Amino acid sequence: MNVRAAIENGLEFAQAAEQFSADSSSFNKGGDIGWFHQGQLLPELEKRMQEMAIGELSQPIQTIYGYHLIKLLGKRPSHQVPFIEINKEKLKNKLIKKQSDTRTEKLLANLRQAANIRIIPYKTNEE
């Protein structure tokens, strides 16, 4: 089914997302992924979003995760968040997770490099 054509013919974007989307984090929210800062989405999606007008429905965009349709509902100008407004606990948890992920990846890379893996052919009694 051509989902984009269905939306253009009157199917609500939210209904289309609920019926056809495979994105478990957004289909139950009508496809709404919320606000994003530049650099947070896949480059293919960001590039297309920067070219879009508010209210516009994109052509299908292919990424490594599949095909995406975007309906741009708004844009906000970039601005510097004052330090007083930053959620320090959320920032702390984000930095701890980032450091933990980095250490985990480094540990796994070292383990893979040091691993001595041999593949031994399996012989059956019939051989």
N, C-alpha and C. Protein backbone atom coordinates (compact mmCIF):
# COMPACT_ATOMS: atom_id res chain seq x y z
N MET A 1 0.84 -1.18 0.00
CA MET A 1 0.00 0.00 0.00
C MET A 1 0.88 1.24 0.00
N ASN A 2 0.49 2.26 -0.71
CA ASN A 2 1.20 3.52 -0.74
C ASN A 2 0.68 4.39 0.41
N VAL A 3 1.42 4.39 1.50
CA VAL A 3 0.99 5.09 2.71
C VAL A 3 0.93 6.60 2.47
N ARG A 4 1.91 7.13 1.76
CA ARG A 4 1.93 8.56 1.48
C ARG A 4 0.68 8.98 0.71
N ALA A 5 0.30 8.20 -0.29
CA ALA A 5 -0.90 8.50 -1.08
C ALA A 5 -2.14 8.45 -0.20
N ALA A 6 -2.19 7.48 0.71
CA ALA A 6 -3.34 7.37 1.61
C ALA A 6 -3.45 8.61 2.50
N ILE A 7 -2.32 9.12 2.96
CA ILE A 7 -2.33 10.34 3.78
C ILE A 7 -2.79 11.53 2.95
N GLU A 8 -2.28 11.62 1.73
CA GLU A 8 -2.69 12.71 0.85
C GLU A 8 -4.17 12.65 0.52
N ASN A 9 -4.75 11.45 0.56
CA ASN A 9 -6.17 11.27 0.26
C ASN A 9 -7.06 11.33 1.50
N GLY A 10 -6.50 11.80 2.61
CA GLY A 10 -7.34 12.03 3.78
C GLY A 10 -7.05 11.21 5.01
N LEU A 11 -6.26 10.16 4.91
CA LEU A 11 -5.92 9.38 6.11
C LEU A 11 -5.05 10.25 7.02
N GLU A 12 -5.42 10.35 8.27
CA GLU A 12 -4.64 11.15 9.22
C GLU A 12 -3.25 10.52 9.39
N PHE A 13 -2.24 11.38 9.51
CA PHE A 13 -0.86 10.91 9.68
C PHE A 13 -0.77 9.99 10.89
N ALA A 14 -1.42 10.38 11.99
CA ALA A 14 -1.37 9.58 13.22
C ALA A 14 -1.96 8.19 13.00
N GLN A 15 -3.07 8.11 12.27
CA GLN A 15 -3.68 6.81 11.98
C GLN A 15 -2.77 5.97 11.10
N ALA A 16 -2.14 6.60 10.12
CA ALA A 16 -1.21 5.88 9.24
C ALA A 16 -0.05 5.32 10.05
N ALA A 17 0.47 6.12 10.97
CA ALA A 17 1.58 5.66 11.81
C ALA A 17 1.17 4.47 12.66
N GLU A 18 -0.01 4.54 13.25
CA GLU A 18 -0.50 3.45 14.10
C GLU A 18 -0.72 2.17 13.29
N GLN A 19 -1.18 2.30 12.05
CA GLN A 19 -1.48 1.13 11.22
C GLN A 19 -0.25 0.53 10.53
N PHE A 20 0.68 1.40 10.09
CA PHE A 20 1.73 0.92 9.20
C PHE A 20 3.15 1.01 9.75
N SER A 21 3.37 1.78 10.80
CA SER A 21 4.73 1.98 11.29
C SER A 21 5.25 0.77 12.04
N ALA A 22 6.54 0.50 11.85
CA ALA A 22 7.21 -0.56 12.59
C ALA A 22 8.05 0.02 13.73
N ASP A 23 8.01 1.34 13.92
CA ASP A 23 8.79 2.01 14.96
C ASP A 23 8.05 1.90 16.29
N SER A 24 8.50 0.99 17.13
CA SER A 24 7.81 0.72 18.39
C SER A 24 7.81 1.91 19.34
N SER A 25 8.71 2.86 19.15
CA SER A 25 8.75 4.00 20.08
C SER A 25 7.82 5.13 19.67
N SER A 26 7.31 5.12 18.42
CA SER A 26 6.48 6.25 18.02
C SER A 26 5.12 5.88 17.43
N PHE A 27 4.93 4.64 16.99
CA PHE A 27 3.66 4.34 16.33
C PHE A 27 2.47 4.48 17.27
N ASN A 28 2.66 4.18 18.54
CA ASN A 28 1.54 4.32 19.48
C ASN A 28 1.32 5.76 19.92
N LYS A 29 2.18 6.67 19.45
CA LYS A 29 2.00 8.11 19.70
C LYS A 29 1.62 8.81 18.40
N GLY A 30 1.08 8.05 17.47
CA GLY A 30 0.67 8.63 16.20
C GLY A 30 1.84 9.09 15.35
N GLY A 31 3.00 8.48 15.56
CA GLY A 31 4.18 8.84 14.78
C GLY A 31 4.93 10.06 15.29
N ASP A 32 4.45 10.63 16.39
CA ASP A 32 5.09 11.84 16.93
C ASP A 32 6.40 11.47 17.62
N ILE A 33 7.51 12.01 17.11
CA ILE A 33 8.81 11.74 17.73
C ILE A 33 9.29 12.92 18.56
N GLY A 34 8.48 13.95 18.65
CA GLY A 34 8.82 15.09 19.50
C GLY A 34 9.82 16.03 18.86
N TRP A 35 10.37 16.92 19.66
CA TRP A 35 11.34 17.91 19.21
C TRP A 35 12.74 17.32 19.25
N PHE A 36 13.56 17.70 18.29
CA PHE A 36 14.94 17.23 18.24
C PHE A 36 15.88 18.38 17.96
N HIS A 37 17.07 18.29 18.53
CA HIS A 37 18.13 19.25 18.22
C HIS A 37 18.88 18.77 17.00
N GLN A 38 19.51 19.69 16.32
CA GLN A 38 20.32 19.33 15.17
C GLN A 38 21.40 18.35 15.60
N GLY A 39 21.58 17.29 14.83
CA GLY A 39 22.58 16.27 15.13
C GLY A 39 22.04 15.08 15.88
N GLN A 40 20.76 15.09 16.26
CA GLN A 40 20.20 13.98 17.02
C GLN A 40 19.55 12.91 16.15
N LEU A 41 19.22 13.23 14.93
CA LEU A 41 18.56 12.27 14.04
C LEU A 41 19.54 11.79 12.97
N LEU A 42 19.12 10.80 12.23
CA LEU A 42 19.93 10.31 11.12
C LEU A 42 20.13 11.44 10.11
N PRO A 43 21.32 11.54 9.53
CA PRO A 43 21.61 12.64 8.60
C PRO A 43 20.62 12.75 7.45
N GLU A 44 20.15 11.60 6.93
CA GLU A 44 19.19 11.62 5.82
C GLU A 44 17.89 12.32 6.24
N LEU A 45 17.45 12.05 7.46
CA LEU A 45 16.21 12.65 7.95
C LEU A 45 16.40 14.14 8.23
N GLU A 46 17.51 14.49 8.86
CA GLU A 46 17.77 15.90 9.17
C GLU A 46 17.88 16.74 7.91
N LYS A 47 18.57 16.21 6.92
CA LYS A 47 18.75 16.95 5.67
C LYS A 47 17.40 17.26 5.05
N ARG A 48 16.55 16.25 5.00
CA ARG A 48 15.23 16.45 4.39
C ARG A 48 14.38 17.41 5.22
N MET A 49 14.44 17.29 6.55
CA MET A 49 13.64 18.16 7.43
C MET A 49 14.04 19.62 7.27
N GLN A 50 15.33 19.89 7.08
CA GLN A 50 15.79 21.26 6.91
C GLN A 50 15.24 21.89 5.64
N GLU A 51 14.94 21.06 4.64
CA GLU A 51 14.43 21.54 3.36
C GLU A 51 12.90 21.70 3.36
N MET A 52 12.24 21.14 4.35
CA MET A 52 10.78 21.10 4.36
C MET A 52 10.15 22.36 4.94
N ALA A 53 8.93 22.62 4.48
CA ALA A 53 8.12 23.69 5.05
C ALA A 53 7.22 23.09 6.13
N ILE A 54 6.80 23.91 7.06
CA ILE A 54 5.91 23.44 8.13
C ILE A 54 4.61 22.96 7.50
N GLY A 55 4.17 21.77 7.94
CA GLY A 55 2.95 21.17 7.42
C GLY A 55 3.18 20.25 6.23
N GLU A 56 4.39 20.25 5.69
CA GLU A 56 4.70 19.45 4.50
C GLU A 56 4.89 17.98 4.87
N LEU A 57 4.48 17.10 3.95
CA LEU A 57 4.68 15.66 4.07
C LEU A 57 5.80 15.26 3.12
N SER A 58 6.81 14.60 3.64
CA SER A 58 7.96 14.23 2.81
C SER A 58 7.64 13.07 1.88
N GLN A 59 8.48 12.91 0.89
CA GLN A 59 8.51 11.69 0.10
C GLN A 59 9.14 10.62 1.00
N PRO A 60 8.97 9.33 0.69
CA PRO A 60 9.63 8.30 1.51
C PRO A 60 11.15 8.49 1.52
N ILE A 61 11.73 8.36 2.70
CA ILE A 61 13.17 8.52 2.89
C ILE A 61 13.71 7.17 3.36
N GLN A 62 14.68 6.62 2.61
CA GLN A 62 15.26 5.33 2.99
C GLN A 62 16.48 5.55 3.87
N THR A 63 16.53 4.81 4.99
CA THR A 63 17.69 4.80 5.87
C THR A 63 18.03 3.33 6.15
N ILE A 64 19.04 3.13 6.97
CA ILE A 64 19.40 1.76 7.33
C ILE A 64 18.28 1.07 8.13
N TYR A 65 17.35 1.85 8.67
CA TYR A 65 16.26 1.29 9.47
C TYR A 65 14.98 1.06 8.67
N GLY A 66 14.97 1.42 7.40
CA GLY A 66 13.77 1.24 6.58
C GLY A 66 13.38 2.54 5.93
N TYR A 67 12.09 2.66 5.66
CA TYR A 67 11.56 3.86 5.00
C TYR A 67 10.81 4.71 6.01
N HIS A 68 10.90 6.03 5.83
CA HIS A 68 10.30 6.97 6.77
C HIS A 68 9.51 8.02 6.00
N LEU A 69 8.40 8.44 6.59
CA LEU A 69 7.66 9.60 6.12
C LEU A 69 7.70 10.62 7.25
N ILE A 70 7.92 11.86 6.89
CA ILE A 70 7.96 12.92 7.89
C ILE A 70 6.88 13.93 7.58
N LYS A 71 6.14 14.30 8.58
CA LYS A 71 5.25 15.45 8.47
C LYS A 71 5.78 16.46 9.47
N LEU A 72 6.32 17.54 8.94
CA LEU A 72 6.94 18.55 9.79
C LEU A 72 5.88 19.46 10.37
N LEU A 73 5.77 19.46 11.69
CA LEU A 73 4.73 20.25 12.36
C LEU A 73 5.22 21.59 12.87
N GLY A 74 6.54 21.74 13.01
CA GLY A 74 7.05 23.00 13.51
C GLY A 74 8.56 23.03 13.55
N LYS A 75 9.08 24.24 13.64
CA LYS A 75 10.52 24.45 13.80
C LYS A 75 10.71 25.49 14.89
N ARG A 76 11.75 25.31 15.64
CA ARG A 76 12.10 26.29 16.69
C ARG A 76 13.49 26.83 16.38
N PRO A 77 13.70 28.10 16.59
CA PRO A 77 15.06 28.64 16.39
C PRO A 77 15.99 28.08 17.46
N SER A 78 17.25 27.90 17.08
CA SER A 78 18.20 27.41 18.07
C SER A 78 18.48 28.50 19.09
N HIS A 79 18.75 28.07 20.31
CA HIS A 79 19.07 29.01 21.37
C HIS A 79 19.91 28.31 22.44
N GLN A 80 20.64 29.09 23.17
CA GLN A 80 21.47 28.57 24.26
C GLN A 80 20.61 28.48 25.51
N VAL A 81 20.55 27.30 26.10
CA VAL A 81 19.79 27.12 27.34
C VAL A 81 20.60 27.67 28.50
N PRO A 82 20.02 28.55 29.29
CA PRO A 82 20.75 29.07 30.45
C PRO A 82 21.08 27.94 31.44
N PHE A 83 22.24 28.03 32.06
CA PHE A 83 22.69 26.99 32.98
C PHE A 83 21.66 26.69 34.05
N ILE A 84 21.00 27.71 34.53
CA ILE A 84 20.02 27.54 35.62
C ILE A 84 18.85 26.65 35.19
N GLU A 85 18.57 26.58 33.87
CA GLU A 85 17.44 25.80 33.37
C GLU A 85 17.80 24.35 33.06
N ILE A 86 19.08 24.01 33.11
CA ILE A 86 19.50 22.65 32.78
C ILE A 86 19.13 21.71 33.92
N ASN A 87 18.55 20.58 33.56
CA ASN A 87 18.21 19.55 34.54
C ASN A 87 19.51 18.81 34.87
N LYS A 88 20.13 19.18 35.97
CA LYS A 88 21.46 18.64 36.31
C LYS A 88 21.45 17.13 36.52
N GLU A 89 20.39 16.60 37.11
CA GLU A 89 20.32 15.16 37.35
C GLU A 89 20.23 14.40 36.03
N LYS A 90 19.42 14.91 35.11
CA LYS A 90 19.27 14.29 33.80
C LYS A 90 20.60 14.35 33.03
N LEU A 91 21.28 15.49 33.09
CA LEU A 91 22.58 15.64 32.43
C LEU A 91 23.60 14.68 33.04
N LYS A 92 23.61 14.59 34.36
CA LYS A 92 24.55 13.69 35.05
C LYS A 92 24.32 12.25 34.61
N ASN A 93 23.06 11.82 34.57
CA ASN A 93 22.74 10.44 34.16
C ASN A 93 23.12 10.20 32.71
N LYS A 94 22.91 11.19 31.86
CA LYS A 94 23.27 11.06 30.45
C LYS A 94 24.78 10.90 30.28
N LEU A 95 25.55 11.69 31.03
CA LEU A 95 27.01 11.61 30.95
C LEU A 95 27.54 10.29 31.51
N ILE A 96 26.93 9.82 32.59
CA ILE A 96 27.32 8.53 33.17
C ILE A 96 27.05 7.41 32.18
N LYS A 97 25.88 7.44 31.53
CA LYS A 97 25.55 6.42 30.53
C LYS A 97 26.51 6.48 29.36
N LYS A 98 26.84 7.68 28.91
CA LYS A 98 27.75 7.82 27.78
C LYS A 98 29.12 7.23 28.13
N GLN A 99 29.62 7.55 29.33
CA GLN A 99 30.91 7.03 29.77
C GLN A 99 30.86 5.51 29.92
N SER A 100 29.77 5.00 30.47
CA SER A 100 29.60 3.57 30.64
C SER A 100 29.57 2.86 29.28
N ASP A 101 28.83 3.43 28.32
CA ASP A 101 28.76 2.84 26.98
C ASP A 101 30.14 2.81 26.33
N THR A 102 30.89 3.90 26.48
CA THR A 102 32.23 3.98 25.90
C THR A 102 33.14 2.92 26.51
N ARG A 103 33.09 2.78 27.83
CA ARG A 103 33.91 1.77 28.50
C ARG A 103 33.51 0.36 28.10
N THR A 104 32.21 0.12 27.97
CA THR A 104 31.72 -1.20 27.58
C THR A 104 32.21 -1.55 26.18
N GLU A 105 32.10 -0.59 25.24
CA GLU A 105 32.57 -0.83 23.87
C GLU A 105 34.07 -1.12 23.84
N LYS A 106 34.82 -0.38 24.64
CA LYS A 106 36.27 -0.59 24.70
C LYS A 106 36.60 -1.97 25.26
N LEU A 107 35.90 -2.36 26.32
CA LEU A 107 36.10 -3.68 26.92
C LEU A 107 35.78 -4.78 25.91
N LEU A 108 34.65 -4.66 25.22
CA LEU A 108 34.26 -5.67 24.24
C LEU A 108 35.27 -5.75 23.10
N ALA A 109 35.77 -4.60 22.64
CA ALA A 109 36.77 -4.59 21.57
C ALA A 109 38.03 -5.31 22.03
N ASN A 110 38.47 -5.07 23.26
CA ASN A 110 39.66 -5.74 23.80
C ASN A 110 39.44 -7.25 23.94
N LEU A 111 38.26 -7.63 24.40
CA LEU A 111 37.94 -9.06 24.54
C LEU A 111 37.92 -9.76 23.19
N ARG A 112 37.33 -9.10 22.19
CA ARG A 112 37.31 -9.69 20.84
C ARG A 112 38.71 -9.85 20.29
N GLN A 113 39.55 -8.85 20.51
CA GLN A 113 40.90 -8.89 19.99
C GLN A 113 41.72 -9.99 20.68
N ALA A 114 41.50 -10.18 21.96
CA ALA A 114 42.27 -11.16 22.71
C ALA A 114 41.71 -12.58 22.61
N ALA A 115 40.52 -12.72 22.07
CA ALA A 115 39.87 -14.03 22.01
C ALA A 115 40.60 -14.96 21.06
N ASN A 116 40.67 -16.21 21.46
CA ASN A 116 41.25 -17.25 20.61
C ASN A 116 40.13 -18.22 20.27
N ILE A 117 39.54 -18.01 19.12
CA ILE A 117 38.38 -18.81 18.73
C ILE A 117 38.79 -19.75 17.61
N ARG A 118 38.48 -21.03 17.81
CA ARG A 118 38.76 -22.04 16.79
C ARG A 118 37.45 -22.71 16.43
N ILE A 119 37.27 -22.94 15.16
CA ILE A 119 36.08 -23.66 14.70
C ILE A 119 36.51 -25.08 14.39
N ILE A 120 35.92 -26.00 15.10
CA ILE A 120 36.25 -27.42 14.94
C ILE A 120 35.09 -28.07 14.19
N PRO A 121 35.40 -28.69 13.06
CA PRO A 121 34.33 -29.34 12.29
C PRO A 121 33.67 -30.46 13.11
N TYR A 122 32.39 -30.55 12.99
CA TYR A 122 31.62 -31.58 13.68
C TYR A 122 31.53 -32.79 12.78
N LYS A 123 31.90 -33.95 13.30
CA LYS A 123 31.82 -35.18 12.52
C LYS A 123 30.71 -36.04 13.08
N THR A 124 29.92 -36.56 12.18
CA THR A 124 28.86 -37.48 12.60
C THR A 124 29.38 -38.91 12.49
N ASN A 125 28.67 -39.86 13.02
CA ASN A 125 29.05 -41.28 12.94
C ASN A 125 28.98 -41.79 11.52
N GLU A 126 28.22 -41.12 10.65
CA GLU A 126 28.06 -41.57 9.27
C GLU A 126 29.28 -41.24 8.43
N GLU A 127 30.13 -40.35 8.86
CA GLU A 127 31.30 -39.95 8.07
C GLU A 127 32.45 -40.88 8.25
